[in-house]
Amino acid sequence: MPVQPINVLHFSDPGCPWAYSASPALATLRWRYGDQLRWRLVLIGLTESSQQYVDRGYTPQRMVQNFHAFRQAWGMPFAFEPKRRVAATSRACRAVVAARMQDPELGDAAFRALQLSQFTTTWVLDDDAELAAGLRRVDGLDAQAIVARIDARDVVRAYEADRALARTAEGSPTAFQGKAARTDGPMRYTAPSLIFERDGRRLEAGGFQSIEAYDVVIANLDPTLRRRPAPEDPFEALDEAPRGLTTAEVTEIMRPGNFPADRAAAEEALVAAAGRGAVVRVPVGDDAIWLAARYARAAERFRSATSVAEASGVTPSVAAS
């Protein structure tokens, strides 16, 4: 008998390091529950102008200092070369919306690509050439055409609808937990906030949360769902991830129950899988993305897009090493 999916409203922004660092938990949700969860990405639009960050005291150097803390705590790959300036996230969000309007799957892929641009290269999110460079890593997406639509009326209208929905956190459980924010007017959801809904029931996991918090929410919504256990071999997870997984994501997916994640064991298993030709490793920031060998075309596209950007002067080679 088909299972009625749980709808997941996912508030996020490609410029948020908390959202990026939550990627291992979100990847684990997708592994455990698969198509029993129906995701909808809502772009927050953290900033419309880089001056908003400047006014708050953000600098490229301060960003890198923060990146070290996030890397140490949650393990996602980062680049530690300061960007030339801080950047607003609005144009990147609208690029994701433009891709989503073409195909929701492409929207999700564009979001992932721009997160990697933000945190593993020196590219900035409000430079159209650098947005296109990041988006070229997405198979099936015309990066230049997407960037050309950032200011299109229908894209802006859809983006503003996302922003408005993200700014409805007043009185919510997320606000109750102190995980909402008021940075530009109405109380908004922070990234990443997940709202789980089915049959009129609505449970929130606002702001940065652990995989255990998400699991509790899902268990209370429907304890009859199929909950897949951790794989014994990382290839099992990578074979279902055409856009690849970082070491931290594989580590979290392979975590058994409530025991601490064992990154060393996951890395050893990944190296062994690479040794037998089952997976490929693509350097990203100070770490890597791993892909099943059958997705090698995606790995080559990733490398090629980076090489094209370097050759055109968009970024120095070290930025995506």
Protein backbone atom coordinates (compact mmCIF):
# COMPACT_ATOMS: atom_id res chain seq x y z
CA MET A 1 0.00 0.00 0.00
CA PRO A 2 1.50 3.39 -1.00
CA VAL A 3 2.60 5.60 1.88
CA GLN A 4 1.25 9.13 2.03
CA PRO A 5 4.36 11.32 2.08
CA ILE A 6 5.12 13.84 4.78
CA ASN A 7 5.56 17.31 3.30
CA VAL A 8 8.75 19.07 4.38
CA LEU A 9 8.95 22.84 4.05
CA HIS A 10 12.67 23.62 4.00
CA PHE A 11 13.55 27.28 4.69
CA SER A 12 17.14 27.98 3.70
CA ASP A 13 19.64 30.24 1.94
CA PRO A 14 22.83 29.32 0.05
CA GLY A 15 24.80 31.89 2.00
CA CYS A 16 24.10 30.49 5.47
CA PRO A 17 26.90 28.43 7.09
CA TRP A 18 24.43 26.88 9.55
CA ALA A 19 22.34 25.56 6.66
CA TYR A 20 25.43 24.26 4.91
CA SER A 21 26.65 22.57 8.09
CA ALA A 22 23.27 20.88 8.51
CA SER A 23 23.80 19.05 5.19
CA PRO A 24 24.89 15.77 6.88
CA ALA A 25 21.66 15.61 8.88
CA LEU A 26 19.51 16.43 5.84
CA ALA A 27 21.34 13.84 3.73
CA THR A 28 20.64 11.29 6.46
CA LEU A 29 16.94 12.14 6.42
CA ARG A 30 16.86 11.51 2.68
CA TRP A 31 18.66 8.21 3.11
CA ARG A 32 16.42 6.98 5.93
CA TYR A 33 13.06 8.02 4.52
CA GLY A 34 13.53 8.53 0.77
CA ASP A 35 10.35 9.43 -1.12
CA GLN A 36 8.28 9.21 2.06
CA LEU A 37 9.34 12.83 2.53
CA ARG A 38 8.26 15.39 -0.08
CA TRP A 39 10.59 18.39 0.08
CA ARG A 40 9.86 22.00 -0.85
CA LEU A 41 12.73 24.48 -0.70
CA VAL A 42 11.81 28.04 0.31
CA LEU A 43 14.50 30.69 -0.19
CA ILE A 44 14.87 33.05 2.76
CA GLY A 45 16.80 35.82 1.04
CA LEU A 46 19.04 36.70 3.96
CA THR A 47 20.30 39.95 2.46
CA GLU A 48 19.39 42.14 -0.51
CA SER A 49 22.53 44.26 -0.25
CA SER A 50 26.07 43.45 0.89
CA GLN A 51 25.94 46.65 2.94
CA GLN A 52 23.61 44.85 5.35
CA TYR A 53 26.48 42.53 6.24
CA VAL A 54 29.01 45.36 6.34
CA ASP A 55 26.77 47.24 8.78
CA ARG A 56 26.71 44.18 11.03
CA GLY A 57 30.49 44.07 11.14
CA TYR A 58 31.04 41.17 8.76
CA THR A 59 34.36 41.03 6.89
CA PRO A 60 35.92 38.33 4.66
CA GLN A 61 38.46 37.65 7.40
CA ARG A 62 35.76 37.21 10.03
CA MET A 63 33.93 34.81 7.72
CA VAL A 64 37.01 32.60 7.40
CA GLN A 65 37.46 32.57 11.16
CA ASN A 66 33.87 31.38 11.51
CA PHE A 67 34.41 28.76 8.82
CA HIS A 68 37.11 27.12 10.94
CA ALA A 69 34.65 26.74 13.82
CA PHE A 70 31.95 25.27 11.58
CA ARG A 71 34.43 22.88 9.96
CA GLN A 72 35.68 21.63 13.31
CA ALA A 73 32.17 21.15 14.72
CA TRP A 74 30.34 19.57 11.78
CA GLY A 75 32.90 18.55 9.19
CA MET A 76 31.68 20.01 5.91
CA PRO A 77 34.42 21.14 3.48
CA PHE A 78 35.49 24.78 3.45
CA ALA A 79 38.00 26.98 1.67
CA PHE A 80 39.98 29.20 4.03
CA GLU A 81 41.14 31.88 1.63
CA PRO A 82 39.26 35.15 2.34
CA LYS A 83 36.94 36.35 -0.38
CA ARG A 84 37.58 39.78 -1.88
CA ARG A 85 34.43 41.14 -0.21
CA VAL A 86 31.23 40.10 1.54
CA ALA A 87 28.22 39.55 -0.67
CA ALA A 88 24.43 39.65 -0.46
CA THR A 89 22.51 36.42 -1.09
CA SER A 90 19.51 37.76 -3.03
CA ARG A 91 20.86 37.14 -6.55
CA ALA A 92 21.92 33.61 -5.66
CA CYS A 93 18.48 32.90 -4.19
CA ARG A 94 16.82 34.19 -7.36
CA ALA A 95 19.11 32.00 -9.46
CA VAL A 96 17.88 29.00 -7.46
CA VAL A 97 14.28 30.13 -7.98
CA ALA A 98 14.86 30.45 -11.73
CA ALA A 99 16.27 26.91 -11.82
CA ARG A 100 13.38 25.63 -9.67
CA MET A 101 10.86 27.16 -12.08
CA GLN A 102 12.46 25.06 -14.82
CA ASP A 103 12.43 21.91 -12.67
CA PRO A 104 12.31 21.51 -8.86
CA GLU A 105 15.13 18.96 -9.01
CA LEU A 106 17.30 21.47 -10.85
CA GLY A 107 16.41 24.04 -8.21
CA ASP A 108 17.70 21.74 -5.49
CA ALA A 109 20.84 21.02 -7.52
CA ALA A 110 21.43 24.75 -8.10
CA PHE A 111 21.04 25.39 -4.38
CA ARG A 112 23.65 22.73 -3.60
CA ALA A 113 26.02 24.08 -6.24
CA LEU A 114 25.80 27.62 -4.89
CA GLN A 115 26.36 26.45 -1.32
CA LEU A 116 29.58 24.82 -2.51
CA SER A 117 30.50 28.03 -4.33
CA GLN A 118 29.97 30.05 -1.17
CA PHE A 119 31.90 27.83 1.20
CA THR A 120 34.56 26.06 -0.88
CA THR A 121 35.67 28.78 -3.34
CA THR A 122 36.47 32.48 -3.32
CA TRP A 123 33.49 33.20 -5.59
CA VAL A 124 30.88 35.64 -4.26
CA LEU A 125 27.12 35.16 -4.49
CA ASP A 126 26.23 38.51 -6.03
CA ASP A 127 28.62 38.40 -9.01
CA ASP A 128 26.79 37.04 -12.06
CA ALA A 129 29.91 35.57 -13.70
CA GLU A 130 30.75 33.69 -10.53
CA LEU A 131 27.15 32.55 -10.05
CA ALA A 132 27.30 31.11 -13.58
CA ALA A 133 30.60 29.41 -12.78
CA GLY A 134 29.02 27.64 -9.81
CA LEU A 135 25.89 26.70 -11.71
CA ARG A 136 27.88 25.15 -14.58
CA ARG A 137 28.53 22.27 -12.22
CA VAL A 138 24.85 21.26 -12.49
CA ASP A 139 24.11 18.75 -15.23
CA GLY A 140 21.10 19.71 -17.34
CA LEU A 141 21.19 23.37 -16.36
CA ASP A 142 22.04 26.22 -18.73
CA ALA A 143 23.94 28.35 -16.23
CA GLN A 144 24.11 31.43 -18.42
CA ALA A 145 20.38 31.31 -19.17
CA ILE A 146 19.54 30.94 -15.48
CA VAL A 147 21.69 33.93 -14.51
CA ALA A 148 20.08 35.94 -17.31
CA ARG A 149 16.68 35.34 -15.67
CA ILE A 150 17.63 36.52 -12.18
CA ASP A 151 15.89 39.87 -12.69
CA ALA A 152 12.96 38.50 -14.71
CA ARG A 153 9.59 39.63 -13.35
CA ASP A 154 8.22 36.12 -12.75
CA VAL A 155 11.42 35.05 -10.97
CA VAL A 156 11.42 38.13 -8.73
CA ARG A 157 7.72 37.60 -7.96
CA ALA A 158 8.32 33.95 -6.98
CA TYR A 159 11.34 34.93 -4.90
CA GLU A 160 9.38 37.61 -3.06
CA ALA A 161 6.70 35.02 -2.30
CA ASP A 162 9.39 32.81 -0.76
CA ARG A 163 10.75 35.72 1.28
CA ALA A 164 7.28 36.56 2.56
CA LEU A 165 6.59 32.94 3.57
CA ALA A 166 9.94 32.78 5.35
CA ARG A 167 8.94 35.85 7.38
CA THR A 168 5.93 34.26 9.10
CA ALA A 169 7.70 32.89 12.18
CA GLU A 170 6.02 35.22 14.69
CA GLY A 171 4.48 33.11 17.48
CA SER A 172 5.80 29.85 16.03
CA PRO A 173 7.53 26.99 17.89
CA THR A 174 10.70 28.13 16.11
CA ALA A 175 10.38 31.58 17.67
CA PHE A 176 9.58 29.97 21.05
CA GLN A 177 12.92 28.13 20.91
CA GLY A 178 14.78 31.33 20.10
CA LYS A 179 15.63 30.02 16.64
CA ALA A 180 13.85 32.71 14.63
CA ALA A 181 15.33 36.10 13.75
CA ARG A 182 14.22 39.65 13.06
CA THR A 183 16.86 41.17 10.78
CA ASP A 184 14.82 43.11 8.24
CA GLY A 185 11.29 43.52 9.54
CA PRO A 186 8.97 40.58 10.31
CA MET A 187 10.13 37.62 12.39
CA ARG A 188 11.64 35.08 9.99
CA TYR A 189 12.65 31.46 10.00
CA THR A 190 16.39 30.92 10.18
CA ALA A 191 18.28 28.51 7.95
CA PRO A 192 17.74 25.65 7.97
CA SER A 193 14.23 25.43 9.40
CA LEU A 194 12.11 22.38 8.58
CA ILE A 195 8.34 22.21 8.95
CA PHE A 196 6.82 18.73 8.66
CA GLU A 197 3.16 18.59 7.62
CA ARG A 198 0.56 15.92 6.91
CA ASP A 199 -3.23 15.72 7.29
CA GLY A 200 -3.41 19.08 9.03
CA ARG A 201 -0.69 18.23 11.55
CA ARG A 202 2.33 20.51 11.57
CA LEU A 203 5.54 20.06 13.55
CA GLU A 204 8.48 22.44 13.38
CA ALA A 205 12.20 21.85 13.75
CA GLY A 206 13.36 25.43 13.48
CA GLY A 207 16.90 26.57 12.87
CA PHE A 208 19.92 24.29 13.19
CA GLN A 209 18.92 20.92 14.65
CA SER A 210 20.44 17.47 15.02
CA ILE A 211 19.31 14.40 13.10
CA GLU A 212 17.81 13.14 16.38
CA ALA A 213 15.47 16.14 16.53
CA TYR A 214 14.24 15.51 12.99
CA ASP A 215 13.82 11.82 13.73
CA VAL A 216 11.66 12.54 16.78
CA VAL A 217 9.41 14.82 14.73
CA ILE A 218 8.93 12.20 12.02
CA ALA A 219 8.35 9.43 14.54
CA ASN A 220 5.55 11.44 16.13
CA LEU A 221 3.93 12.19 12.77
CA ASP A 222 3.96 8.61 11.52
CA PRO A 223 5.66 5.72 13.34
CA THR A 224 4.62 3.34 10.54
CA LEU A 225 7.04 4.79 7.98
CA ARG A 226 9.86 2.67 6.63
CA ARG A 227 13.06 3.79 8.38
CA ARG A 228 16.09 2.44 6.58
CA PRO A 229 19.09 1.56 8.77
CA ALA A 230 22.58 2.90 8.17
CA PRO A 231 24.38 1.29 5.23
CA GLU A 232 27.37 -0.92 5.88
CA ASP A 233 29.14 0.28 2.73
CA PRO A 234 29.26 3.94 1.63
CA PHE A 235 28.66 2.85 -1.97
CA GLU A 236 25.04 2.09 -1.05
CA ALA A 237 24.42 5.74 -0.16
CA LEU A 238 26.48 7.14 -3.04
CA ASP A 239 24.68 4.96 -5.57
CA GLU A 240 21.50 6.92 -4.73
CA ALA A 241 23.16 10.36 -4.74
CA PRO A 242 23.84 11.49 -8.32
CA ARG A 243 25.16 14.86 -7.08
CA GLY A 244 27.52 13.14 -4.68
CA LEU A 245 28.05 13.38 -0.93
CA THR A 246 30.75 14.99 1.16
CA THR A 247 32.77 12.97 3.64
CA ALA A 248 30.74 14.47 6.50
CA GLU A 249 27.46 13.50 4.84
CA VAL A 250 28.60 9.91 4.28
CA THR A 251 29.85 9.77 7.87
CA GLU A 252 26.48 10.85 9.27
CA ILE A 253 24.50 8.51 7.01
CA MET A 254 26.66 5.59 8.19
CA ARG A 255 26.31 6.47 11.88
CA PRO A 256 24.77 3.52 13.76
CA GLY A 257 21.93 4.63 16.03
CA ASN A 258 22.90 7.10 18.73
CA PHE A 259 26.59 6.24 18.70
CA PRO A 260 28.95 9.07 17.75
CA ALA A 261 29.77 9.38 14.06
CA ASP A 262 33.09 7.76 13.15
CA ARG A 263 34.63 9.90 10.43
CA ALA A 264 37.85 7.91 10.32
CA ALA A 265 35.95 4.69 9.67
CA ALA A 266 33.83 6.36 6.98
CA GLU A 267 36.90 7.76 5.25
CA GLU A 268 38.59 4.36 5.37
CA ALA A 269 35.51 2.78 3.78
CA LEU A 270 35.38 5.50 1.11
CA VAL A 271 39.04 5.01 0.22
CA ALA A 272 38.47 1.26 -0.01
CA ALA A 273 35.48 1.82 -2.32
CA ALA A 274 37.58 4.14 -4.46
CA GLY A 275 40.32 1.54 -4.54
CA ARG A 276 38.02 -1.06 -6.04
CA GLY A 277 36.73 1.46 -8.60
CA ALA A 278 33.23 1.80 -7.12
CA VAL A 279 33.45 5.52 -6.29
CA VAL A 280 35.38 8.59 -7.38
CA ARG A 281 36.69 11.44 -5.26
CA VAL A 282 36.44 15.08 -6.39
CA PRO A 283 38.48 17.58 -4.33
CA VAL A 284 36.33 20.40 -2.89
CA GLY A 285 37.65 23.03 -0.53
CA ASP A 286 39.77 21.28 2.08
CA ASP A 287 38.03 17.93 1.55
CA ALA A 288 36.02 16.22 -1.18
CA ILE A 289 32.75 15.14 -2.72
CA TRP A 290 32.42 11.41 -3.41
CA LEU A 291 30.35 9.98 -6.26
CA ALA A 292 29.45 6.46 -7.33
CA ALA A 293 31.43 5.53 -10.44
CA ARG A 294 28.28 5.54 -12.58
CA TYR A 295 28.03 9.26 -11.91
CA ALA A 296 31.56 9.90 -13.14
CA ARG A 297 30.13 12.23 -15.79
CA ALA A 298 28.95 14.52 -12.99
CA ALA A 299 32.43 14.45 -11.49
CA GLU A 300 33.96 15.42 -14.81
CA ARG A 301 31.42 18.22 -15.24
CA PHE A 302 32.31 19.52 -11.78
CA ARG A 303 36.03 19.50 -12.60
CA SER A 304 35.44 20.98 -16.05
CA ALA A 305 33.31 23.86 -14.76
CA THR A 306 35.99 24.72 -12.22
CA SER A 307 38.73 24.58 -14.87
CA VAL A 308 36.77 26.83 -17.23
CA ALA A 309 36.26 29.36 -14.43
CA GLU A 310 39.95 29.32 -13.57
CA ALA A 311 41.01 29.72 -17.20
CA SER A 312 38.67 32.69 -17.65
CA GLY A 313 40.08 34.39 -14.59
CA VAL A 314 36.96 34.02 -12.46
CA THR A 315 38.92 32.42 -9.64
CA PRO A 316 42.50 31.45 -8.86
CA SER A 317 43.24 27.72 -8.98
CA VAL A 318 43.77 27.48 -5.23
CA ALA A 319 40.16 28.56 -4.61
CA ALA A 320 38.69 25.22 -5.67
CA SER A 321 41.58 22.95 -4.83
